[in-house]
Protein backbone atom coordinates (compact mmCIF):
# COMPACT_ATOMS: atom_id res chain seq x y z
CA MET A 1 -8.00 -81.20 -19.52
CA SER A 2 -7.43 -82.11 -15.97
CA ARG A 3 -10.64 -81.32 -13.45
CA ARG A 4 -8.60 -78.55 -11.57
CA GLY A 5 -7.70 -76.90 -15.26
CA LEU A 6 -11.24 -77.12 -16.19
CA LEU A 7 -12.64 -75.41 -13.00
CA ALA A 8 -10.07 -72.28 -14.00
CA VAL A 9 -11.22 -72.19 -17.16
CA CYS A 10 -14.96 -72.42 -16.24
CA LEU A 11 -14.77 -69.94 -13.84
CA LEU A 12 -13.01 -67.58 -15.95
CA LEU A 13 -16.06 -68.17 -18.42
CA LEU A 14 -18.32 -67.36 -15.94
CA ALA A 15 -16.68 -64.16 -14.51
CA SER A 16 -19.31 -62.72 -17.23
CA CYS A 17 -22.32 -63.70 -15.41
CA LYS A 18 -21.03 -60.46 -13.39
CA ARG A 19 -22.21 -57.49 -15.15
CA PRO A 20 -18.76 -55.34 -14.72
CA PRO A 21 -19.84 -52.12 -12.11
CA PRO A 22 -21.08 -49.56 -14.71
CA ALA A 23 -19.34 -46.13 -14.65
CA ASP A 24 -22.28 -44.83 -12.48
CA ALA A 25 -21.87 -47.46 -9.93
CA ASP A 26 -17.85 -47.72 -9.12
CA ALA A 27 -17.31 -47.10 -5.62
CA GLY A 28 -15.49 -44.30 -3.90
CA THR A 29 -14.22 -45.22 -0.49
CA ASP A 30 -11.90 -42.27 0.43
CA ALA A 31 -12.36 -39.82 3.17
CA GLY A 32 -14.73 -37.22 2.18
CA ALA A 33 -16.25 -38.81 -0.77
CA LEU A 34 -19.21 -41.06 -1.69
CA ALA A 35 -20.07 -42.86 -4.53
CA GLU A 36 -23.36 -45.27 -5.15
CA GLY A 37 -23.27 -48.53 -3.10
CA PRO A 38 -24.72 -51.70 -4.77
CA LEU A 39 -27.69 -53.08 -3.73
CA ASP A 40 -27.88 -56.05 -1.84
CA ALA A 41 -30.42 -58.19 -3.87
CA GLY A 42 -30.01 -61.36 -2.13
CA PRO A 43 -29.38 -64.77 -3.20
CA HIS A 44 -30.49 -65.77 -6.87
CA ALA A 45 -32.37 -68.91 -5.56
CA SER A 46 -32.92 -70.55 -2.06
CA LEU A 47 -34.82 -73.89 -1.28
CA LYS A 48 -38.07 -73.33 0.43
CA THR A 49 -37.84 -74.88 3.74
CA PRO A 50 -40.62 -75.83 6.52
CA GLU A 51 -40.67 -72.78 8.25
CA THR A 52 -41.14 -70.72 5.18
CA LEU A 53 -44.69 -72.24 4.15
CA PRO A 54 -47.95 -71.87 5.71
CA ASP A 55 -49.08 -73.71 8.70
CA ASP A 56 -51.17 -75.97 6.46
CA ALA A 57 -48.59 -77.01 3.54
CA VAL A 58 -46.23 -79.89 3.45
CA ALA A 59 -42.70 -79.63 2.02
CA GLU A 60 -42.76 -80.92 -1.58
CA VAL A 61 -39.12 -83.40 -0.77
CA HIS A 62 -36.89 -83.61 -4.02
CA PRO A 63 -34.39 -86.35 -3.70
CA LEU A 64 -31.11 -86.27 -5.20
CA ALA A 65 -31.13 -89.28 -7.90
CA VAL A 66 -28.41 -91.88 -6.92
CA CYS A 67 -24.95 -91.78 -8.11
CA ASP A 68 -23.92 -93.47 -10.93
CA ALA A 69 -20.71 -93.52 -10.84
CA LYS A 70 -19.88 -95.82 -13.93
CA GLY A 71 -17.90 -98.06 -11.70
CA GLY A 72 -15.48 -95.74 -10.23
CA ALA A 73 -15.07 -93.50 -7.32
CA PRO A 74 -17.89 -91.24 -6.64
CA LEU A 75 -15.73 -88.13 -6.46
CA ASP A 76 -14.41 -89.19 -9.28
CA ALA A 77 -17.32 -89.42 -11.62
CA ALA A 78 -18.44 -85.97 -9.40
CA ARG A 79 -15.77 -84.48 -11.17
CA ASP A 80 -16.29 -86.62 -14.59
CA TYR A 81 -20.40 -84.86 -14.51
CA TYR A 82 -19.15 -81.63 -13.83
CA ASP A 83 -16.51 -81.19 -16.33
CA ALA A 84 -19.17 -82.26 -18.69
CA GLY A 85 -21.75 -79.64 -17.95
CA HIS A 86 -24.13 -82.57 -16.14
CA TYR A 87 -24.41 -80.48 -12.92
CA ALA A 88 -27.19 -82.38 -11.55
CA GLU A 89 -25.25 -85.91 -11.52
CA ALA A 90 -22.17 -84.29 -10.46
CA LEU A 91 -24.05 -83.21 -7.39
CA SER A 92 -25.67 -86.33 -6.75
CA CYS A 93 -22.02 -88.28 -6.79
CA ALA A 94 -20.49 -85.12 -4.95
CA ALA A 95 -23.07 -85.72 -1.92
CA GLN A 96 -22.36 -89.72 -2.00
CA ALA A 97 -18.70 -88.83 -1.81
CA ALA A 98 -19.03 -86.53 0.90
CA ALA A 99 -21.74 -88.95 2.63
CA LEU A 100 -19.07 -91.83 2.67
CA GLU A 101 -16.22 -89.60 3.92
CA PRO A 102 -17.42 -86.89 5.65
CA ASP A 103 -14.03 -85.09 6.38
CA LEU A 104 -13.05 -84.72 3.03
CA ALA A 105 -13.22 -81.44 2.09
CA ALA A 106 -12.85 -81.90 -1.65
CA ALA A 107 -16.31 -83.88 -1.97
CA HIS A 108 -17.81 -80.85 -0.04
CA ALA A 109 -16.05 -78.66 -2.50
CA GLU A 110 -16.96 -80.51 -5.81
CA ARG A 111 -20.71 -80.26 -3.66
CA GLY A 112 -20.11 -76.46 -3.65
CA ALA A 113 -19.16 -76.32 -7.41
CA ALA A 114 -22.19 -78.64 -8.63
CA LEU A 115 -24.81 -76.24 -6.19
CA ALA A 116 -23.79 -73.24 -7.43
CA ALA A 117 -23.48 -74.53 -11.43
CA LEU A 118 -27.48 -75.27 -10.63
CA ASN A 119 -27.93 -71.38 -8.77
CA ARG A 120 -28.33 -73.17 -5.70
CA GLU A 121 -26.35 -70.35 -4.02
CA PRO A 122 -27.50 -70.72 -0.33
CA GLU A 123 -26.37 -74.56 0.04
CA ALA A 124 -23.04 -73.49 -2.14
CA GLN A 125 -21.79 -71.18 0.75
CA LEU A 126 -22.39 -73.89 3.22
CA ALA A 127 -21.01 -76.49 0.96
CA TYR A 128 -17.55 -74.52 0.60
CA ALA A 129 -18.02 -73.06 4.66
CA ARG A 130 -17.92 -77.20 5.15
CA ALA A 131 -14.78 -77.92 2.89
CA LEU A 132 -12.28 -74.74 4.90
CA ALA A 133 -13.30 -75.54 7.82
CA ILE A 134 -12.20 -79.13 7.32
CA ASP A 135 -8.74 -77.91 4.97
CA PRO A 136 -8.50 -74.00 4.79
CA GLY A 137 -5.66 -74.33 2.53
CA ASP A 138 -8.00 -76.68 -0.08
CA ALA A 139 -7.74 -74.29 -3.61
CA ASP A 140 -10.78 -75.74 -5.22
CA ALA A 141 -12.73 -74.86 -1.96
CA LEU A 142 -11.25 -71.41 -2.24
CA LEU A 143 -11.61 -70.71 -5.81
CA GLY A 144 -15.02 -71.57 -5.75
CA ALA A 145 -15.97 -70.14 -2.87
CA ALA A 146 -13.78 -66.58 -4.30
CA HIS A 147 -16.32 -66.83 -7.03
CA LEU A 148 -19.48 -67.15 -5.61
CA TYR A 149 -19.33 -64.57 -3.23
CA ALA A 150 -17.45 -62.07 -5.13
CA VAL A 151 -18.82 -62.76 -8.88
CA GLN A 152 -22.04 -65.06 -8.72
CA LEU A 153 -24.17 -63.35 -6.07
CA PRO A 154 -25.21 -59.78 -6.82
CA SER A 155 -22.52 -57.57 -5.44
CA THR A 156 -22.82 -56.27 -1.28
CA ARG A 157 -19.49 -54.80 0.39
CA GLU A 158 -19.48 -57.78 2.95
CA ARG A 159 -19.22 -60.27 -0.29
CA ASP A 160 -16.83 -58.72 -1.98
CA GLU A 161 -14.76 -58.77 1.45
CA LEU A 162 -14.96 -62.19 1.68
CA GLY A 163 -14.70 -63.37 -1.91
CA ALA A 164 -11.10 -60.83 -1.75
CA LEU A 165 -10.45 -63.13 1.23
CA TYR A 166 -10.85 -66.09 -0.49
CA ALA A 167 -9.05 -65.50 -3.02
CA GLU A 168 -6.27 -64.06 -1.74
CA ARG A 169 -5.47 -66.82 0.81
CA GLY A 170 -5.28 -69.22 -2.42
CA LEU A 171 -2.73 -66.66 -3.90
CA SER A 172 -0.77 -67.06 -0.66
CA GLN A 173 -0.20 -70.14 -0.34
CA PRO A 174 3.00 -71.80 -2.40
CA SER A 175 0.82 -75.21 -2.30
CA THR A 176 -2.40 -73.80 -4.77
CA PRO A 177 -1.83 -75.36 -8.36
CA PRO A 178 -0.35 -72.40 -10.95
CA GLU A 179 -3.04 -73.27 -13.60
CA LEU A 180 -5.62 -72.22 -10.91
CA VAL A 181 -3.26 -68.62 -10.30
CA PRO A 182 -5.34 -66.59 -13.19
CA SER A 183 -8.52 -67.82 -11.94
CA LEU A 184 -7.83 -66.32 -8.52
CA ALA A 185 -5.87 -63.36 -9.55
CA LEU A 186 -9.23 -62.57 -11.87
CA VAL A 187 -11.76 -62.69 -8.87
CA ALA A 188 -9.50 -60.66 -6.80
CA ALA A 189 -9.39 -57.88 -9.04
CA MET A 190 -12.86 -58.08 -9.57
CA ALA A 191 -13.49 -58.04 -5.94
CA PHE A 192 -10.96 -55.26 -5.18
CA ASN A 193 -12.33 -53.26 -7.93
CA ASP A 194 -15.80 -53.25 -6.26
CA LEU A 195 -14.50 -52.50 -3.12
CA GLY A 196 -12.85 -49.39 -4.77
CA GLN A 197 -9.39 -51.06 -3.90
CA ALA A 198 -8.03 -50.04 -7.64
CA ASP A 199 -4.45 -50.21 -6.92
CA GLN A 200 -4.95 -53.83 -5.49
CA ALA A 201 -6.98 -54.40 -8.44
CA LEU A 202 -4.42 -53.09 -11.30
CA ASP A 203 -2.11 -55.87 -9.13
CA ARG A 204 -4.09 -58.53 -9.55
CA ALA A 205 -5.08 -58.01 -13.23
CA ALA A 206 -1.24 -57.77 -14.07
CA ILE A 207 -1.21 -61.27 -12.82
CA VAL A 208 -3.47 -62.65 -15.45
CA LEU A 209 -2.42 -61.06 -18.14
CA ALA A 210 1.17 -61.50 -17.14
CA ARG A 211 -0.23 -65.19 -17.49
CA GLU A 212 -2.69 -64.69 -20.37
CA PRO A 213 -1.84 -61.53 -21.95
CA GLY A 214 -5.68 -62.13 -24.57
CA ASN A 215 -7.90 -62.18 -21.27
CA ALA A 216 -10.51 -59.66 -22.01
CA GLU A 217 -11.85 -59.78 -18.37
CA ALA A 218 -8.37 -58.89 -17.19
CA LYS A 219 -8.05 -56.07 -19.73
CA TYR A 220 -11.59 -54.65 -18.35
CA GLU A 221 -10.60 -54.84 -14.34
CA LYS A 222 -7.15 -53.06 -15.34
CA ALA A 223 -9.35 -50.52 -17.54
CA LEU A 224 -11.47 -50.13 -15.26
CA ALA A 225 -8.63 -49.72 -12.45
CA LEU A 226 -6.66 -47.54 -14.19
CA PHE A 227 -9.81 -45.66 -14.65
CA GLU A 228 -10.71 -45.33 -11.11
CA LEU A 229 -6.56 -44.51 -10.17
CA CYS A 230 -7.41 -41.32 -11.96
CA ARG A 231 -4.40 -42.68 -14.57
CA PHE A 232 -7.00 -41.32 -17.47
CA ARG A 233 -5.08 -41.34 -20.50
CA GLU A 234 -3.90 -45.11 -19.91
CA ALA A 235 -7.54 -45.52 -19.26
CA LYS A 236 -8.60 -43.94 -22.32
CA VAL A 237 -6.45 -46.48 -24.81
CA ALA A 238 -7.09 -49.59 -22.02
CA PHE A 239 -11.25 -49.02 -22.87
CA ALA A 240 -10.72 -48.26 -26.82
CA SER A 241 -9.27 -51.42 -26.97
CA LEU A 242 -12.24 -53.20 -25.93
CA LEU A 243 -14.62 -51.44 -28.34
CA LYS A 244 -14.83 -54.23 -30.39
CA ASP A 245 -15.62 -56.63 -27.32
CA LYS A 246 -18.86 -57.97 -27.77
CA ASP A 247 -19.79 -58.47 -23.63
CA ARG A 248 -17.41 -55.11 -22.77
CA ALA A 249 -18.36 -52.52 -25.50
CA ALA A 250 -21.22 -50.97 -23.59
CA HIS A 251 -19.21 -50.95 -20.65
CA ALA A 252 -15.92 -49.15 -22.88
CA HIS A 253 -18.42 -47.06 -24.25
CA GLN A 254 -19.58 -45.73 -20.95
CA HIS A 255 -15.99 -45.18 -19.75
CA LEU A 256 -14.92 -43.24 -22.27
CA GLY A 257 -17.69 -40.92 -22.26
CA LEU A 258 -16.89 -40.46 -18.79
CA LEU A 259 -12.97 -39.57 -19.96
CA LEU A 260 -14.36 -37.35 -22.76
CA GLU A 261 -16.62 -35.53 -20.40
CA ARG A 262 -13.55 -35.14 -18.24
CA ASP A 263 -12.05 -32.84 -21.12
CA GLY A 264 -15.23 -31.07 -21.70
CA GLN A 265 -15.64 -32.92 -25.03
CA TRP A 266 -19.55 -33.18 -24.81
CA ALA A 267 -20.56 -34.10 -27.80
CA LYS A 268 -18.15 -36.71 -27.63
CA ALA A 269 -19.47 -37.87 -24.47
CA GLU A 270 -22.88 -38.08 -25.54
CA ASP A 271 -22.49 -40.16 -28.82
CA HIS A 272 -20.72 -43.00 -26.62
CA PHE A 273 -23.32 -42.76 -23.52
CA GLN A 274 -25.89 -43.04 -26.65
CA LYS A 275 -24.08 -46.67 -27.87
CA ALA A 276 -23.32 -47.74 -24.40
CA ARG A 277 -27.19 -46.62 -24.02
CA ALA A 278 -28.31 -48.99 -27.41
CA LEU A 279 -25.95 -51.83 -26.29
CA GLU A 280 -27.12 -52.42 -22.83
CA PRO A 281 -30.27 -50.30 -22.02
CA GLU A 282 -31.17 -52.05 -19.04
CA ASP A 283 -27.11 -50.85 -17.35
CA PHE A 284 -27.46 -47.64 -19.05
CA PRO A 285 -30.51 -46.51 -18.94
CA PRO A 286 -31.04 -42.50 -19.84
CA PRO A 287 -30.17 -40.70 -16.13
CA PRO A 288 -32.87 -38.36 -15.02
CA LEU A 289 -30.59 -35.33 -15.50
CA PRO A 290 -32.03 -32.51 -14.09
CA SER A 291 -30.78 -28.63 -15.12
CA PRO A 292 -27.98 -26.94 -13.08
CA ASP A 293 -30.92 -24.63 -11.48
CA GLU A 294 -33.29 -27.43 -10.88
CA PHE A 295 -30.21 -29.47 -9.25
CA LYS A 296 -30.11 -26.37 -7.05
CA ALA A 297 -33.19 -26.27 -5.64
CA GLN A 298 -33.56 -30.01 -4.90
CA VAL A 299 -30.38 -29.76 -2.74
CA THR A 300 -31.81 -26.74 -0.71
CA ARG A 301 -35.05 -28.11 -0.31
CA ALA A 302 -32.79 -31.13 0.92
CA LEU A 303 -31.00 -28.89 3.13
CA ALA A 304 -33.93 -27.83 4.34
CA ASP A 305 -35.71 -30.90 5.52
CA LEU A 306 -32.38 -32.01 7.70
CA PRO A 307 -32.67 -32.62 11.25
CA ALA A 308 -32.04 -29.31 13.26
CA ASP A 309 -28.54 -30.40 14.80
CA MET A 310 -26.99 -31.01 10.83
CA ARG A 311 -28.52 -27.99 9.93
CA ARG A 312 -26.64 -26.04 12.81
CA ASP A 313 -23.65 -28.49 11.91
CA LEU A 314 -23.51 -27.22 8.58
CA GLU A 315 -23.68 -23.10 9.23
CA GLY A 316 -20.52 -22.05 8.28
CA VAL A 317 -20.35 -24.64 5.58
CA PRO A 318 -21.14 -23.79 1.96
CA VAL A 319 -22.98 -26.66 0.11
CA ALA A 320 -22.43 -26.17 -3.48
CA THR A 321 -23.53 -27.95 -6.74
CA GLU A 322 -20.49 -29.21 -9.54
CA GLU A 323 -21.17 -31.16 -12.38
CA ILE A 324 -18.60 -33.52 -11.81
CA PRO A 325 -15.42 -33.62 -9.19
CA SER A 326 -12.32 -31.71 -10.64
CA GLU A 327 -8.95 -33.51 -10.94
CA ASP A 328 -7.72 -31.53 -8.15
CA ASP A 329 -9.79 -32.69 -5.92
CA LEU A 330 -9.52 -36.04 -6.83
CA LEU A 331 -5.81 -36.02 -6.68
CA ALA A 332 -5.87 -34.60 -3.13
CA ASN A 333 -5.74 -38.06 -1.87
CA GLN A 334 -3.82 -41.13 -1.87
CA PRO A 335 -4.88 -42.81 -3.35
CA PRO A 336 -6.88 -40.81 -5.90
CA LEU A 337 -10.51 -40.64 -5.09
CA SER A 338 -13.11 -42.18 -8.23
CA PRO A 339 -14.32 -40.29 -10.59
CA THR A 340 -17.66 -41.37 -9.49
CA ILE A 341 -17.75 -40.25 -6.50
CA LEU A 342 -21.92 -38.51 -5.79
CA GLY A 343 -20.44 -36.00 -2.92
CA LEU A 344 -17.41 -34.62 -0.81
CA PHE A 345 -16.05 -33.51 2.20
CA ARG A 346 -13.10 -30.61 2.04
CA GLY A 347 -11.62 -29.52 5.33
CA PRO A 348 -11.33 -31.04 8.89
CA SER A 349 -13.94 -32.31 11.10
CA LEU A 350 -15.62 -29.99 13.35
CA GLN A 351 -13.32 -32.00 16.07
CA GLU A 352 -10.29 -30.20 14.70
CA PRO A 353 -9.27 -26.81 14.34
CA CYS A 354 -8.94 -25.47 10.31
CA ASP A 355 -5.64 -24.87 9.04
CA GLY A 356 -4.42 -22.54 6.51
CA SER A 357 -5.86 -19.28 5.13
CA GLU A 358 -8.87 -21.20 3.21
CA THR A 359 -11.85 -19.43 4.50
CA PRO A 360 -14.11 -21.55 4.92
CA CYS A 361 -12.11 -24.34 5.34
CA ARG A 362 -14.84 -26.50 5.15
CA SER A 363 -17.17 -26.89 2.08
CA VAL A 364 -19.24 -29.75 0.94
CA ALA A 365 -19.95 -30.63 -3.06
CA LEU A 366 -22.48 -32.53 -4.99
CA TYR A 367 -22.09 -33.81 -7.96
CA ARG A 368 -25.33 -33.42 -10.61
CA ARG A 369 -23.85 -35.79 -13.08
CA ASN A 370 -22.89 -38.51 -10.96
CA LEU A 371 -25.29 -38.02 -9.16
CA ALA A 372 -28.25 -38.25 -12.23
CA ARG A 373 -26.18 -41.58 -13.14
CA ALA A 374 -26.35 -43.39 -10.48
CA VAL A 375 -30.14 -43.13 -10.25
CA ARG A 376 -32.65 -44.44 -12.58
CA THR A 377 -35.92 -41.87 -11.80
CA PRO A 378 -35.97 -38.21 -10.12
CA GLU A 379 -37.61 -39.87 -6.73
CA GLU A 380 -34.20 -41.66 -6.97
CA LEU A 381 -32.36 -38.79 -7.53
CA ARG A 382 -33.80 -36.60 -4.45
CA GLU A 383 -33.43 -39.71 -1.91
CA GLN A 384 -29.63 -40.36 -3.69
CA ILE A 385 -28.51 -36.65 -2.89
CA ARG A 386 -30.67 -36.83 0.85
CA VAL A 387 -27.82 -39.92 1.82
CA THR A 388 -25.13 -37.91 0.35
CA LEU A 389 -25.67 -35.19 2.11
CA LEU A 390 -26.08 -37.27 5.78
CA HIS A 391 -22.61 -39.06 4.26
CA GLU A 392 -21.02 -35.90 4.28
CA ILE A 393 -22.39 -34.51 7.11
CA GLY A 394 -20.51 -37.68 8.63
CA HIS A 395 -17.64 -36.60 7.76
CA LEU A 396 -18.00 -33.34 9.12
CA ARG A 397 -18.80 -34.62 12.65
CA GLY A 398 -15.24 -36.85 12.35
CA GLU A 399 -17.38 -40.25 10.79
CA ASP A 400 -15.04 -42.33 8.13
CA ASP A 401 -15.71 -44.11 5.49
CA GLU A 402 -16.36 -47.54 7.25
CA GLU A 403 -18.09 -46.37 9.95
CA LEU A 404 -20.16 -44.56 7.65
CA ALA A 405 -20.78 -48.20 5.81
CA ALA A 406 -21.57 -49.77 8.72
CA ARG A 407 -24.39 -47.16 9.43
CA GLY A 408 -25.58 -48.20 5.91
CA LEU A 409 -24.36 -44.46 4.51
CA GLU A 410 -21.93 -46.06 2.03
């Protein structure tokens, strides 16, 4: 198998390194809605530099081994070592190739691939940046960088956006080798789903499945996109088909629970939730779900703790507590809002006149079950209620989701 073909296979396999976004963290980013955004946990690993050491400490140097190219070119040897899973040797030879030809994008892309495989993400970021500065269209560098940002690193909006941009650039270039198209499309689908752009995620998953009908990761991204687009009947079929997939069964059970919950089938929904917890307890811990009365009391306390100017803006704007979003509310926007939104502002902003006969014309809803599933402890729930209120008040004042995200209220 060619180096490029093997890279595509490796990236498809590595997709499982990124936990599929659980149902309680799916983003709904349309105006008026708030869903939990993933926390920025930072890179998995970073090299300690002299600046991070105490003044009297000396940084220990660990030089790379000399590249054993076995009589061939260092870049070819790096690719062979990478294909064999010998990433340290691949890095040594890729570094030598880059030293011999500093303006060769392929050498820096190969360094990036080896560094990423060794979980040296900050260095991999620089290697891919250099490769793409030399040749913005290098397909291997685009795929490697897209995977690094959208899949390997902990998810944040900026990383997912960058990963999607790299993947989309690779897909848009006629020079991209056909064997890389499924991998680029899969990374794009994952990034778009994490960004709440389910319509684009669905399109990219379709590209993968047209070429690889059995690709389980693409099937999952398709199912997730259908759920986010409120195509619930299709989503139910899609997730049911993943129940026997050991890598995705927990997420399939969780989403089937959410779908059955929407149908009012509470007992069946809870059965699926329990199966998801049993399969992946770390991803799906029991939510700190307060009773409806307790939840309403928590929201009342959070409202009382708001600054005076926010309480004034909310005068005449009812704040309701609800179980989950109604289908009417979700489908009132195009594309639809995510079923996992934590809160919703309805109506025009304070700067706009009220239209129609609805009284009051503005309102806020907070969703008990979605909020409880977005956190792990009662303390986190109280904080998330506060943040959700701040988000919806931002919409009341006329801010859109991009502005709110820039202020840390995504």
